[in-house]
Amino acid sequence: MPVQMPVPILKQGSVLIASIQTALTDTDVLRLQQKLIEQVGRYRSRGIVVDVAAIDVMDSFVARSLRAIAQMTRLRGAEMVLVGIQPEVAFAMVQLGTSLEDVHTALDLEEGLALLESLGGEAGRHGGSVS
């Protein structure tokens, strides 16, 4: 029996949108990471938006995993934007020294999609997706 993905991944044109609506186990985070990277190649996506607005705590494992998704996405010829980081989460991450260096961030989905649009030319210069 296939395992149900706790994070739905929607395809909107050439962008994948993953909206995390609940706390994820480490296994869920790794499954999301694998699924997103696979789908970038399958759909030749130019970008991923990961919406974390519903997350009120982001531990170091989740932060490292999101950073890894951004790096892997870039290696696949696309860009990732993290949107919806709550003020309390941002404050706690800074206080704990948790870094999301090299990860594009935006306030919300609308701004994230606009950022991906502006990065489109840059992402295209890095090469296409490898299937």
N, C-alpha and C. Protein backbone atom coordinates (compact mmCIF):
# COMPACT_ATOMS: atom_id res chain seq x y z
N MET A 1 0.85 -1.17 0.00
CA MET A 1 0.00 0.00 0.00
C MET A 1 0.90 1.24 0.00
N PRO A 2 0.67 2.21 -0.92
CA PRO A 2 1.50 3.41 -0.98
C PRO A 2 1.33 4.26 0.28
N VAL A 3 2.43 4.90 0.66
CA VAL A 3 2.40 5.77 1.84
C VAL A 3 1.82 7.12 1.42
N GLN A 4 0.85 7.60 2.19
CA GLN A 4 0.22 8.89 1.91
C GLN A 4 1.19 10.02 2.25
N MET A 5 1.35 10.96 1.33
CA MET A 5 2.25 12.09 1.54
C MET A 5 1.55 13.11 2.42
N PRO A 6 2.14 13.48 3.59
CA PRO A 6 1.48 14.42 4.49
C PRO A 6 1.49 15.86 3.98
N VAL A 7 2.31 16.14 2.97
CA VAL A 7 2.38 17.49 2.40
C VAL A 7 1.96 17.41 0.94
N PRO A 8 0.82 18.01 0.60
CA PRO A 8 0.42 18.00 -0.81
C PRO A 8 1.36 18.85 -1.65
N ILE A 9 1.68 18.36 -2.84
CA ILE A 9 2.51 19.11 -3.78
C ILE A 9 1.65 19.40 -5.00
N LEU A 10 1.41 20.69 -5.23
CA LEU A 10 0.59 21.12 -6.35
C LEU A 10 1.49 21.63 -7.47
N LYS A 11 1.07 21.42 -8.70
CA LYS A 11 1.79 21.93 -9.86
C LYS A 11 1.01 23.11 -10.41
N GLN A 12 1.65 24.27 -10.45
CA GLN A 12 1.03 25.48 -10.99
C GLN A 12 1.94 25.98 -12.11
N GLY A 13 1.61 25.64 -13.35
CA GLY A 13 2.48 25.97 -14.46
C GLY A 13 3.80 25.26 -14.30
N SER A 14 4.90 26.01 -14.28
CA SER A 14 6.22 25.40 -14.14
C SER A 14 6.73 25.45 -12.70
N VAL A 15 5.81 25.69 -11.76
CA VAL A 15 6.19 25.81 -10.35
C VAL A 15 5.48 24.72 -9.54
N LEU A 16 6.22 24.14 -8.60
CA LEU A 16 5.64 23.21 -7.64
C LEU A 16 5.41 23.96 -6.34
N ILE A 17 4.26 23.73 -5.72
CA ILE A 17 3.93 24.40 -4.46
C ILE A 17 3.65 23.33 -3.41
N ALA A 18 4.45 23.36 -2.34
CA ALA A 18 4.26 22.43 -1.22
C ALA A 18 3.88 23.26 -0.01
N SER A 19 2.71 22.97 0.54
CA SER A 19 2.22 23.72 1.69
C SER A 19 2.20 22.80 2.90
N ILE A 20 3.10 23.07 3.83
CA ILE A 20 3.20 22.26 5.05
C ILE A 20 2.14 22.75 6.02
N GLN A 21 1.19 21.88 6.34
CA GLN A 21 0.05 22.29 7.16
C GLN A 21 0.10 21.76 8.59
N THR A 22 1.07 20.90 8.87
CA THR A 22 1.16 20.29 10.19
C THR A 22 2.61 19.97 10.51
N ALA A 23 2.88 19.72 11.77
CA ALA A 23 4.24 19.33 12.15
C ALA A 23 4.60 18.02 11.44
N LEU A 24 5.83 17.94 10.97
CA LEU A 24 6.28 16.77 10.24
C LEU A 24 7.31 15.99 11.05
N THR A 25 7.25 14.68 10.92
CA THR A 25 8.30 13.85 11.50
C THR A 25 9.53 13.96 10.61
N ASP A 26 10.67 13.52 11.11
CA ASP A 26 11.88 13.53 10.30
C ASP A 26 11.70 12.71 9.03
N THR A 27 10.99 11.59 9.14
CA THR A 27 10.72 10.74 7.97
C THR A 27 9.86 11.49 6.96
N ASP A 28 8.86 12.23 7.43
CA ASP A 28 8.02 13.02 6.53
C ASP A 28 8.84 14.08 5.79
N VAL A 29 9.76 14.72 6.51
CA VAL A 29 10.60 15.76 5.90
C VAL A 29 11.49 15.15 4.82
N LEU A 30 12.07 13.99 5.10
CA LEU A 30 12.93 13.33 4.10
C LEU A 30 12.11 12.87 2.89
N ARG A 31 10.89 12.41 3.14
CA ARG A 31 10.00 11.99 2.04
C ARG A 31 9.63 13.20 1.17
N LEU A 32 9.35 14.34 1.81
CA LEU A 32 9.04 15.57 1.08
C LEU A 32 10.23 15.99 0.22
N GLN A 33 11.41 15.93 0.81
CA GLN A 33 12.63 16.29 0.09
C GLN A 33 12.79 15.43 -1.17
N GLN A 34 12.66 14.13 -1.02
CA GLN A 34 12.81 13.22 -2.16
C GLN A 34 11.73 13.48 -3.21
N LYS A 35 10.50 13.64 -2.79
CA LYS A 35 9.38 13.83 -3.72
C LYS A 35 9.55 15.14 -4.51
N LEU A 36 9.94 16.21 -3.84
CA LEU A 36 10.13 17.49 -4.53
C LEU A 36 11.24 17.40 -5.58
N ILE A 37 12.35 16.80 -5.23
CA ILE A 37 13.46 16.71 -6.16
C ILE A 37 13.09 15.84 -7.35
N GLU A 38 12.38 14.75 -7.11
CA GLU A 38 11.92 13.90 -8.22
C GLU A 38 10.99 14.69 -9.15
N GLN A 39 10.06 15.44 -8.56
CA GLN A 39 9.07 16.14 -9.37
C GLN A 39 9.66 17.32 -10.15
N VAL A 40 10.74 17.91 -9.66
CA VAL A 40 11.40 18.97 -10.43
C VAL A 40 11.81 18.42 -11.79
N GLY A 41 12.40 17.23 -11.80
CA GLY A 41 12.80 16.60 -13.06
C GLY A 41 11.62 16.12 -13.89
N ARG A 42 10.67 15.48 -13.24
CA ARG A 42 9.53 14.92 -13.95
C ARG A 42 8.73 16.00 -14.67
N TYR A 43 8.50 17.13 -14.00
CA TYR A 43 7.68 18.19 -14.58
C TYR A 43 8.50 19.32 -15.18
N ARG A 44 9.84 19.16 -15.15
CA ARG A 44 10.74 20.20 -15.65
C ARG A 44 10.40 21.56 -15.04
N SER A 45 10.18 21.52 -13.73
CA SER A 45 9.80 22.72 -13.00
C SER A 45 10.97 23.70 -12.95
N ARG A 46 10.65 24.97 -12.98
CA ARG A 46 11.69 25.99 -12.86
C ARG A 46 11.77 26.52 -11.44
N GLY A 47 10.81 26.11 -10.60
CA GLY A 47 10.84 26.57 -9.23
C GLY A 47 9.94 25.79 -8.30
N ILE A 48 10.25 25.93 -7.02
CA ILE A 48 9.46 25.32 -5.95
C ILE A 48 9.18 26.40 -4.92
N VAL A 49 7.94 26.44 -4.45
CA VAL A 49 7.59 27.29 -3.31
C VAL A 49 7.21 26.34 -2.18
N VAL A 50 7.87 26.49 -1.04
CA VAL A 50 7.52 25.71 0.14
C VAL A 50 6.93 26.69 1.15
N ASP A 51 5.67 26.49 1.48
CA ASP A 51 4.93 27.36 2.39
C ASP A 51 4.95 26.75 3.79
N VAL A 52 5.56 27.47 4.72
CA VAL A 52 5.68 26.99 6.10
C VAL A 52 4.86 27.84 7.07
N ALA A 53 3.87 28.57 6.56
CA ALA A 53 3.08 29.48 7.39
C ALA A 53 2.40 28.79 8.57
N ALA A 54 2.07 27.52 8.43
CA ALA A 54 1.37 26.81 9.50
C ALA A 54 2.33 26.23 10.54
N ILE A 55 3.63 26.34 10.31
CA ILE A 55 4.60 25.80 11.26
C ILE A 55 4.91 26.85 12.33
N ASP A 56 4.72 26.46 13.60
CA ASP A 56 5.02 27.39 14.68
C ASP A 56 6.34 27.08 15.37
N VAL A 57 6.98 25.97 14.99
CA VAL A 57 8.31 25.62 15.50
C VAL A 57 9.08 24.97 14.36
N MET A 58 10.30 25.46 14.13
CA MET A 58 11.13 24.85 13.09
C MET A 58 12.44 24.42 13.75
N ASP A 59 12.62 23.11 13.88
CA ASP A 59 13.84 22.62 14.51
C ASP A 59 15.00 22.62 13.51
N SER A 60 16.18 22.34 14.01
CA SER A 60 17.37 22.41 13.16
C SER A 60 17.34 21.37 12.04
N PHE A 61 16.73 20.20 12.28
CA PHE A 61 16.65 19.19 11.23
C PHE A 61 15.80 19.68 10.06
N VAL A 62 14.66 20.27 10.36
CA VAL A 62 13.78 20.80 9.31
C VAL A 62 14.50 21.92 8.56
N ALA A 63 15.15 22.81 9.28
CA ALA A 63 15.88 23.92 8.64
C ALA A 63 16.98 23.39 7.72
N ARG A 64 17.76 22.42 8.20
CA ARG A 64 18.82 21.82 7.36
C ARG A 64 18.22 21.14 6.14
N SER A 65 17.11 20.46 6.33
CA SER A 65 16.46 19.75 5.22
C SER A 65 15.93 20.73 4.17
N LEU A 66 15.36 21.84 4.61
CA LEU A 66 14.88 22.85 3.67
C LEU A 66 16.06 23.47 2.91
N ARG A 67 17.15 23.70 3.60
CA ARG A 67 18.35 24.23 2.94
C ARG A 67 18.86 23.23 1.91
N ALA A 68 18.84 21.94 2.25
CA ALA A 68 19.26 20.89 1.32
C ALA A 68 18.34 20.84 0.10
N ILE A 69 17.03 21.00 0.31
CA ILE A 69 16.09 21.01 -0.82
C ILE A 69 16.45 22.16 -1.75
N ALA A 70 16.74 23.34 -1.19
CA ALA A 70 17.10 24.49 -2.02
C ALA A 70 18.36 24.21 -2.82
N GLN A 71 19.35 23.60 -2.19
CA GLN A 71 20.60 23.30 -2.89
C GLN A 71 20.40 22.26 -3.98
N MET A 72 19.64 21.20 -3.67
CA MET A 72 19.38 20.15 -4.66
C MET A 72 18.56 20.70 -5.82
N THR A 73 17.59 21.54 -5.50
CA THR A 73 16.75 22.16 -6.53
C THR A 73 17.61 22.97 -7.49
N ARG A 74 18.55 23.73 -6.93
CA ARG A 74 19.45 24.54 -7.74
C ARG A 74 20.30 23.65 -8.65
N LEU A 75 20.76 22.52 -8.12
CA LEU A 75 21.54 21.58 -8.93
C LEU A 75 20.71 20.97 -10.05
N ARG A 76 19.40 20.96 -9.88
CA ARG A 76 18.49 20.42 -10.90
C ARG A 76 18.03 21.52 -11.87
N GLY A 77 18.58 22.73 -11.73
CA GLY A 77 18.28 23.80 -12.67
C GLY A 77 17.08 24.66 -12.32
N ALA A 78 16.66 24.62 -11.07
CA ALA A 78 15.50 25.40 -10.65
C ALA A 78 15.86 26.17 -9.38
N GLU A 79 14.90 26.89 -8.84
CA GLU A 79 15.09 27.64 -7.60
C GLU A 79 13.98 27.29 -6.62
N MET A 80 14.27 27.45 -5.33
CA MET A 80 13.27 27.24 -4.30
C MET A 80 13.11 28.53 -3.50
N VAL A 81 11.87 28.82 -3.13
CA VAL A 81 11.57 29.96 -2.28
C VAL A 81 10.77 29.44 -1.09
N LEU A 82 11.22 29.81 0.10
CA LEU A 82 10.53 29.45 1.33
C LEU A 82 9.66 30.63 1.72
N VAL A 83 8.37 30.39 1.94
CA VAL A 83 7.45 31.49 2.26
C VAL A 83 6.71 31.21 3.57
N GLY A 84 6.28 32.30 4.20
CA GLY A 84 5.38 32.19 5.35
C GLY A 84 6.04 31.95 6.69
N ILE A 85 7.33 32.23 6.83
CA ILE A 85 7.95 32.04 8.14
C ILE A 85 7.31 33.00 9.14
N GLN A 86 6.74 32.44 10.19
CA GLN A 86 6.07 33.25 11.22
C GLN A 86 7.10 34.07 12.01
N PRO A 87 6.71 35.25 12.50
CA PRO A 87 7.65 36.10 13.24
C PRO A 87 8.31 35.38 14.43
N GLU A 88 7.52 34.60 15.16
CA GLU A 88 8.06 33.88 16.32
C GLU A 88 9.08 32.84 15.90
N VAL A 89 8.83 32.20 14.77
CA VAL A 89 9.75 31.20 14.24
C VAL A 89 11.05 31.87 13.81
N ALA A 90 10.94 33.00 13.11
CA ALA A 90 12.13 33.73 12.68
C ALA A 90 12.95 34.17 13.90
N PHE A 91 12.28 34.68 14.92
CA PHE A 91 12.96 35.12 16.13
C PHE A 91 13.70 33.96 16.78
N ALA A 92 13.01 32.83 16.95
CA ALA A 92 13.62 31.66 17.59
C ALA A 92 14.80 31.14 16.78
N MET A 93 14.65 31.12 15.45
CA MET A 93 15.74 30.62 14.60
C MET A 93 16.99 31.48 14.76
N VAL A 94 16.81 32.79 14.78
CA VAL A 94 17.95 33.70 14.94
C VAL A 94 18.58 33.52 16.32
N GLN A 95 17.75 33.43 17.35
CA GLN A 95 18.26 33.26 18.71
C GLN A 95 19.05 31.96 18.86
N LEU A 96 18.61 30.90 18.15
CA LEU A 96 19.28 29.60 18.25
C LEU A 96 20.42 29.43 17.24
N GLY A 97 20.61 30.45 16.39
CA GLY A 97 21.69 30.36 15.41
C GLY A 97 21.38 29.43 14.24
N THR A 98 20.11 29.13 14.03
CA THR A 98 19.71 28.28 12.91
C THR A 98 19.72 29.12 11.64
N SER A 99 20.42 28.64 10.63
CA SER A 99 20.61 29.42 9.41
C SER A 99 19.90 28.81 8.22
N LEU A 100 19.36 29.68 7.40
CA LEU A 100 18.80 29.26 6.10
C LEU A 100 19.57 29.97 5.00
N GLU A 101 20.90 30.06 5.17
CA GLU A 101 21.72 30.74 4.18
C GLU A 101 21.51 30.11 2.80
N ASP A 102 21.57 30.95 1.79
CA ASP A 102 21.39 30.53 0.39
C ASP A 102 19.98 30.04 0.08
N VAL A 103 19.02 30.30 0.96
CA VAL A 103 17.63 29.94 0.69
C VAL A 103 16.86 31.24 0.47
N HIS A 104 16.21 31.35 -0.69
CA HIS A 104 15.37 32.52 -0.96
C HIS A 104 14.15 32.45 -0.05
N THR A 105 13.76 33.59 0.51
CA THR A 105 12.57 33.64 1.34
C THR A 105 11.68 34.79 0.88
N ALA A 106 10.39 34.64 1.16
CA ALA A 106 9.43 35.69 0.85
C ALA A 106 8.34 35.64 1.91
N LEU A 107 7.60 36.74 2.01
CA LEU A 107 6.58 36.86 3.04
C LEU A 107 5.45 35.85 2.87
N ASP A 108 4.95 35.71 1.64
CA ASP A 108 3.81 34.83 1.41
C ASP A 108 3.88 34.23 0.00
N LEU A 109 2.89 33.43 -0.34
CA LEU A 109 2.87 32.72 -1.61
C LEU A 109 2.95 33.69 -2.79
N GLU A 110 2.17 34.76 -2.74
CA GLU A 110 2.17 35.73 -3.84
C GLU A 110 3.56 36.31 -4.07
N GLU A 111 4.22 36.72 -2.99
CA GLU A 111 5.56 37.29 -3.12
C GLU A 111 6.57 36.21 -3.54
N GLY A 112 6.36 34.99 -3.07
CA GLY A 112 7.24 33.89 -3.45
C GLY A 112 7.17 33.60 -4.94
N LEU A 113 5.96 33.60 -5.49
CA LEU A 113 5.80 33.38 -6.93
C LEU A 113 6.42 34.52 -7.73
N ALA A 114 6.26 35.75 -7.24
CA ALA A 114 6.86 36.90 -7.91
C ALA A 114 8.39 36.81 -7.88
N LEU A 115 8.93 36.37 -6.76
CA LEU A 115 10.39 36.20 -6.65
C LEU A 115 10.88 35.14 -7.62
N LEU A 116 10.17 34.03 -7.70
CA LEU A 116 10.55 32.99 -8.67
C LEU A 116 10.52 33.53 -10.09
N GLU A 117 9.52 34.34 -10.38
CA GLU A 117 9.42 34.95 -11.71
C GLU A 117 10.65 35.81 -11.99
N SER A 118 11.07 36.59 -11.00
CA SER A 118 12.24 37.45 -11.21
C SER A 118 13.52 36.64 -11.30
N LEU A 119 13.56 35.48 -10.66
CA LEU A 119 14.73 34.61 -10.72
C LEU A 119 14.74 33.74 -11.98
N GLY A 120 13.64 33.74 -12.71
CA GLY A 120 13.48 32.87 -13.88
C GLY A 120 14.62 32.95 -14.87
N GLY A 121 15.05 34.15 -15.22
CA GLY A 121 16.15 34.29 -16.16
C GLY A 121 17.44 33.74 -15.59
N GLU A 122 17.66 34.00 -14.29
CA GLU A 122 18.87 33.51 -13.63
C GLU A 122 18.86 31.98 -13.56
N ALA A 123 17.71 31.39 -13.20
CA ALA A 123 17.63 29.94 -13.12
C ALA A 123 17.84 29.31 -14.49
N GLY A 124 17.33 29.96 -15.51
CA GLY A 124 17.50 29.43 -16.87
C GLY A 124 18.95 29.42 -17.31
N ARG A 125 19.75 30.37 -16.82
CA ARG A 125 21.16 30.42 -17.20
C ARG A 125 21.97 29.30 -16.55
N HIS A 126 21.43 28.70 -15.50
CA HIS A 126 22.15 27.62 -14.81
C HIS A 126 21.95 26.29 -15.52
N GLY A 127 21.11 26.25 -16.52
CA GLY A 127 20.89 25.00 -17.25
C GLY A 127 19.52 24.44 -16.95
N GLY A 128 19.12 23.46 -17.74
CA GLY A 128 17.81 22.86 -17.61
C GLY A 128 17.81 21.73 -16.60
N SER A 129 16.64 21.18 -16.36
CA SER A 129 16.51 20.07 -15.45
C SER A 129 17.12 18.82 -16.05
N VAL A 130 17.67 18.00 -15.19
CA VAL A 130 18.23 16.73 -15.61
C VAL A 130 17.25 15.64 -15.19
N SER A 131 16.83 14.83 -16.12
CA SER A 131 15.88 13.78 -15.77
C SER A 131 16.57 12.46 -15.60
